[in-house]
Amino acid sequence: MTAFSMTDCYIAINGVDRSSYIKSVTVHVEANELDSTDFADAGWTVPITGMKSGNVQLTFNQDMASSAIDSIMWGLLWSTTTFEIRASNSVVSGSNPKYTGSFLCKEWTPITGSVGDLAEVSVTYPLSGALSRATT
């Protein structure tokens, strides 16, 4: 595996490339751990996978211009929308898989910051259904 620097991620929201507004991204998935241990397991626990969940964490550079990210995300607020995320803006491949799914746009903080700060918005959107990984 080759190490790489994340300099050109591709992040589409609602079918449109929004990469130019986003400065950080994290895709996180996990599953509940269920204990299926019984008396025949010789004192060892036997965990199994339960329900799966995840989220997408994004940090946007805020832009309140007409038709910019503030009005775009405000329009998606409280709805479920699709996303596609790739580590690089290049073609989808075995070394550049795409992750797709839907998330719930449950929050937006249009104004936050202190004197001299860069205007940013950080959100965490829960997955709504399965996360898919594809290499073609």
C-alpha atoms as a PDB file:
ATOM      1  CA  MET A   1       0.000   0.000   0.000  1.00  0.00           C
ATOM      2  CA  THR A   2       1.241   3.444  -0.880  1.00  0.00           C
ATOM      3  CA  ALA A   3       0.910   6.330   1.550  1.00  0.00           C
ATOM      4  CA  PHE A   4      -0.733   9.452   0.184  1.00  0.00           C
ATOM      5  CA  SER A   5      -1.587  13.004   1.111  1.00  0.00           C
ATOM      6  CA  MET A   6      -5.269  13.959   1.091  1.00  0.00           C
ATOM      7  CA  THR A   7      -5.190  16.960  -1.188  1.00  0.00           C
ATOM      8  CA  ASP A   8      -7.984  16.398  -3.725  1.00  0.00           C
ATOM      9  CA  CYS A   9     -10.882  14.490  -2.163  1.00  0.00           C
ATOM     10  CA  TYR A  10     -14.090  14.192  -4.135  1.00  0.00           C
ATOM     11  CA  ILE A  11     -17.239  14.816  -2.102  1.00  0.00           C
ATOM     12  CA  ALA A  12     -20.621  14.932  -3.814  1.00  0.00           C
ATOM     13  CA  ILE A  13     -23.776  15.779  -1.875  1.00  0.00           C
ATOM     14  CA  ASN A  14     -27.175  15.307  -3.491  1.00  0.00           C
ATOM     15  CA  GLY A  15     -25.424  14.335  -6.740  1.00  0.00           C
ATOM     16  CA  VAL A  16     -23.341  17.527  -7.032  1.00  0.00           C
ATOM     17  CA  ASP A  17     -19.595  17.918  -6.407  1.00  0.00           C
ATOM     18  CA  ARG A  18     -19.207  20.069  -3.259  1.00  0.00           C
ATOM     19  CA  SER A  19     -15.468  19.427  -2.790  1.00  0.00           C
ATOM     20  CA  SER A  20     -14.592  23.106  -3.238  1.00  0.00           C
ATOM     21  CA  TYR A  21     -16.467  23.962  -0.009  1.00  0.00           C
ATOM     22  CA  ILE A  22     -15.204  21.105   2.193  1.00  0.00           C
ATOM     23  CA  LYS A  23     -11.908  21.140   4.077  1.00  0.00           C
ATOM     24  CA  SER A  24     -12.176  17.888   6.041  1.00  0.00           C
ATOM     25  CA  VAL A  25     -14.109  14.632   5.831  1.00  0.00           C
ATOM     26  CA  THR A  26     -14.414  11.514   7.963  1.00  0.00           C
ATOM     27  CA  VAL A  27     -16.490   8.453   7.090  1.00  0.00           C
ATOM     28  CA  HIS A  28     -17.091   6.237  10.126  1.00  0.00           C
ATOM     29  CA  VAL A  29     -18.872   2.870  10.332  1.00  0.00           C
ATOM     30  CA  GLU A  30     -19.323   0.438  13.195  1.00  0.00           C
ATOM     31  CA  ALA A  31     -21.550  -2.348  14.485  1.00  0.00           C
ATOM     32  CA  ASN A  32     -23.066  -3.170  17.840  1.00  0.00           C
ATOM     33  CA  GLU A  33     -21.354  -5.993  19.649  1.00  0.00           C
ATOM     34  CA  LEU A  34     -23.719  -8.693  20.901  1.00  0.00           C
ATOM     35  CA  ASP A  35     -22.614 -11.289  23.418  1.00  0.00           C
ATOM     36  CA  SER A  36     -23.568 -14.803  22.285  1.00  0.00           C
ATOM     37  CA  THR A  37     -21.517 -16.548  24.989  1.00  0.00           C
ATOM     38  CA  ASP A  38     -22.906 -19.779  26.390  1.00  0.00           C
ATOM     39  CA  PHE A  39     -21.791 -22.374  28.920  1.00  0.00           C
ATOM     40  CA  ALA A  40     -19.954 -24.389  26.248  1.00  0.00           C
ATOM     41  CA  ASP A  41     -17.520 -21.522  25.481  1.00  0.00           C
ATOM     42  CA  ALA A  42     -15.088 -22.481  28.287  1.00  0.00           C
ATOM     43  CA  GLY A  43     -15.173 -19.082  29.945  1.00  0.00           C
ATOM     44  CA  TRP A  44     -14.461 -17.122  26.752  1.00  0.00           C
ATOM     45  CA  THR A  45     -16.833 -14.476  25.425  1.00  0.00           C
ATOM     46  CA  VAL A  46     -18.169 -14.909  21.892  1.00  0.00           C
ATOM     47  CA  PRO A  47     -19.104 -11.545  20.403  1.00  0.00           C
ATOM     48  CA  ILE A  48     -21.138 -11.311  17.198  1.00  0.00           C
ATOM     49  CA  THR A  49     -22.059  -8.378  15.009  1.00  0.00           C
ATOM     50  CA  GLY A  50     -25.381  -6.658  15.656  1.00  0.00           C
ATOM     51  CA  MET A  51     -26.858  -3.566  14.021  1.00  0.00           C
ATOM     52  CA  LYS A  52     -24.557  -1.469  11.839  1.00  0.00           C
ATOM     53  CA  SER A  53     -24.399   2.321  11.819  1.00  0.00           C
ATOM     54  CA  GLY A  54     -22.138   5.158  10.839  1.00  0.00           C
ATOM     55  CA  ASN A  55     -21.812   8.817  10.061  1.00  0.00           C
ATOM     56  CA  VAL A  56     -20.126  11.328   7.811  1.00  0.00           C
ATOM     57  CA  GLN A  57     -18.313  14.218   9.481  1.00  0.00           C
ATOM     58  CA  LEU A  58     -17.702  17.291   7.322  1.00  0.00           C
ATOM     59  CA  THR A  59     -16.112  20.674   7.877  1.00  0.00           C
ATOM     60  CA  PHE A  60     -17.217  23.284   5.365  1.00  0.00           C
ATOM     61  CA  ASN A  61     -15.665  26.649   4.597  1.00  0.00           C
ATOM     62  CA  GLN A  62     -18.770  28.802   5.054  1.00  0.00           C
ATOM     63  CA  ASP A  63     -19.991  30.802   2.064  1.00  0.00           C
ATOM     64  CA  MET A  64     -23.221  32.764   2.359  1.00  0.00           C
ATOM     65  CA  ALA A  65     -23.299  34.082  -1.195  1.00  0.00           C
ATOM     66  CA  SER A  66     -26.455  33.405  -3.165  1.00  0.00           C
ATOM     67  CA  SER A  67     -26.512  29.757  -4.317  1.00  0.00           C
ATOM     68  CA  ALA A  68     -23.402  28.943  -2.222  1.00  0.00           C
ATOM     69  CA  ILE A  69     -22.995  26.259   0.453  1.00  0.00           C
ATOM     70  CA  ASP A  70     -25.083  27.967   3.169  1.00  0.00           C
ATOM     71  CA  SER A  71     -28.204  28.114   0.988  1.00  0.00           C
ATOM     72  CA  ILE A  72     -27.491  24.656  -0.474  1.00  0.00           C
ATOM     73  CA  MET A  73     -27.227  22.922   2.907  1.00  0.00           C
ATOM     74  CA  TRP A  74     -30.089  24.963   4.374  1.00  0.00           C
ATOM     75  CA  GLY A  75     -32.260  23.611   1.568  1.00  0.00           C
ATOM     76  CA  LEU A  76     -31.301  20.014   2.486  1.00  0.00           C
ATOM     77  CA  LEU A  77     -31.796  20.526   6.225  1.00  0.00           C
ATOM     78  CA  TRP A  78     -33.975  17.893   7.938  1.00  0.00           C
ATOM     79  CA  SER A  79     -33.995  15.640   4.884  1.00  0.00           C
ATOM     80  CA  THR A  80     -32.115  12.555   3.733  1.00  0.00           C
ATOM     81  CA  THR A  81     -29.803  12.990   0.767  1.00  0.00           C
ATOM     82  CA  THR A  82     -27.207  10.997  -1.151  1.00  0.00           C
ATOM     83  CA  PHE A  83     -23.431  11.327  -1.027  1.00  0.00           C
ATOM     84  CA  GLU A  84     -20.332   9.964  -2.752  1.00  0.00           C
ATOM     85  CA  ILE A  85     -16.879  10.290  -1.224  1.00  0.00           C
ATOM     86  CA  ARG A  86     -13.494   9.357  -2.706  1.00  0.00           C
ATOM     87  CA  ALA A  87     -10.002   9.966  -1.302  1.00  0.00           C
ATOM     88  CA  SER A  88      -8.970  11.395  -4.682  1.00  0.00           C
ATOM     89  CA  ASN A  89     -10.819  13.222  -7.439  1.00  0.00           C
ATOM     90  CA  SER A  90      -9.385  10.748  -9.957  1.00  0.00           C
ATOM     91  CA  VAL A  91     -11.283   7.821 -11.476  1.00  0.00           C
ATOM     92  CA  VAL A  92     -12.777   5.156  -9.204  1.00  0.00           C
ATOM     93  CA  SER A  93     -10.441   2.147  -8.996  1.00  0.00           C
ATOM     94  CA  GLY A  94      -9.037  -0.473  -6.670  1.00  0.00           C
ATOM     95  CA  SER A  95      -6.736   2.175  -5.228  1.00  0.00           C
ATOM     96  CA  ASN A  96      -9.415   4.906  -5.182  1.00  0.00           C
ATOM     97  CA  PRO A  97     -12.698   3.333  -4.036  1.00  0.00           C
ATOM     98  CA  LYS A  98     -15.877   5.333  -3.764  1.00  0.00           C
ATOM     99  CA  TYR A  99     -18.124   5.222  -0.709  1.00  0.00           C
ATOM    100  CA  THR A 100     -21.782   5.981  -1.363  1.00  0.00           C
ATOM    101  CA  GLY A 101     -24.963   6.106   0.614  1.00  0.00           C
ATOM    102  CA  SER A 102     -27.433   8.495   2.171  1.00  0.00           C
ATOM    103  CA  PHE A 103     -27.271  10.584   5.302  1.00  0.00           C
ATOM    104  CA  LEU A 104     -29.696  12.650   7.352  1.00  0.00           C
ATOM    105  CA  CYS A 105     -28.926  16.380   7.171  1.00  0.00           C
ATOM    106  CA  LYS A 106     -29.988  16.902  10.765  1.00  0.00           C
ATOM    107  CA  GLU A 107     -28.002  20.013  11.650  1.00  0.00           C
ATOM    108  CA  TRP A 108     -26.459  23.202  10.314  1.00  0.00           C
ATOM    109  CA  THR A 109     -24.726  26.005  12.233  1.00  0.00           C
ATOM    110  CA  PRO A 110     -24.701  28.942   9.833  1.00  0.00           C
ATOM    111  CA  ILE A 111     -22.854  31.384  12.082  1.00  0.00           C
ATOM    112  CA  THR A 112     -20.117  30.517  14.567  1.00  0.00           C
ATOM    113  CA  GLY A 113     -16.632  31.836  15.306  1.00  0.00           C
ATOM    114  CA  SER A 114     -14.544  34.474  16.997  1.00  0.00           C
ATOM    115  CA  VAL A 115     -12.838  37.632  15.798  1.00  0.00           C
ATOM    116  CA  GLY A 116     -10.436  36.813  12.995  1.00  0.00           C
ATOM    117  CA  ASP A 117     -11.495  33.149  12.637  1.00  0.00           C
ATOM    118  CA  LEU A 118     -12.132  31.488   9.324  1.00  0.00           C
ATOM    119  CA  ALA A 119     -15.901  31.004   8.959  1.00  0.00           C
ATOM    120  CA  GLU A 120     -16.474  27.239   9.095  1.00  0.00           C
ATOM    121  CA  VAL A 121     -19.344  24.840   9.714  1.00  0.00           C
ATOM    122  CA  SER A 122     -18.700  21.397  11.218  1.00  0.00           C
ATOM    123  CA  VAL A 123     -21.438  18.765  11.035  1.00  0.00           C
ATOM    124  CA  THR A 124     -21.908  15.081  11.737  1.00  0.00           C
ATOM    125  CA  TYR A 125     -24.584  13.421   9.649  1.00  0.00           C
ATOM    126  CA  PRO A 126     -25.781   9.895  10.530  1.00  0.00           C
ATOM    127  CA  LEU A 127     -25.970   7.331   7.747  1.00  0.00           C
ATOM    128  CA  SER A 128     -29.473   6.474   6.610  1.00  0.00           C
ATOM    129  CA  GLY A 129     -29.194   2.883   5.434  1.00  0.00           C
ATOM    130  CA  ALA A 130     -26.169   1.011   4.111  1.00  0.00           C
ATOM    131  CA  LEU A 131     -22.790   2.422   3.161  1.00  0.00           C
ATOM    132  CA  SER A 132     -21.469   0.926  -0.096  1.00  0.00           C
ATOM    133  CA  ARG A 133     -17.865   0.615  -1.253  1.00  0.00           C
ATOM    134  CA  ALA A 134     -17.130   0.196  -4.967  1.00  0.00           C
ATOM    135  CA  THR A 135     -13.947   0.050  -7.039  1.00  0.00           C
ATOM    136  CA  THR A 136     -15.540   0.359 -10.505  1.00  0.00           C
END
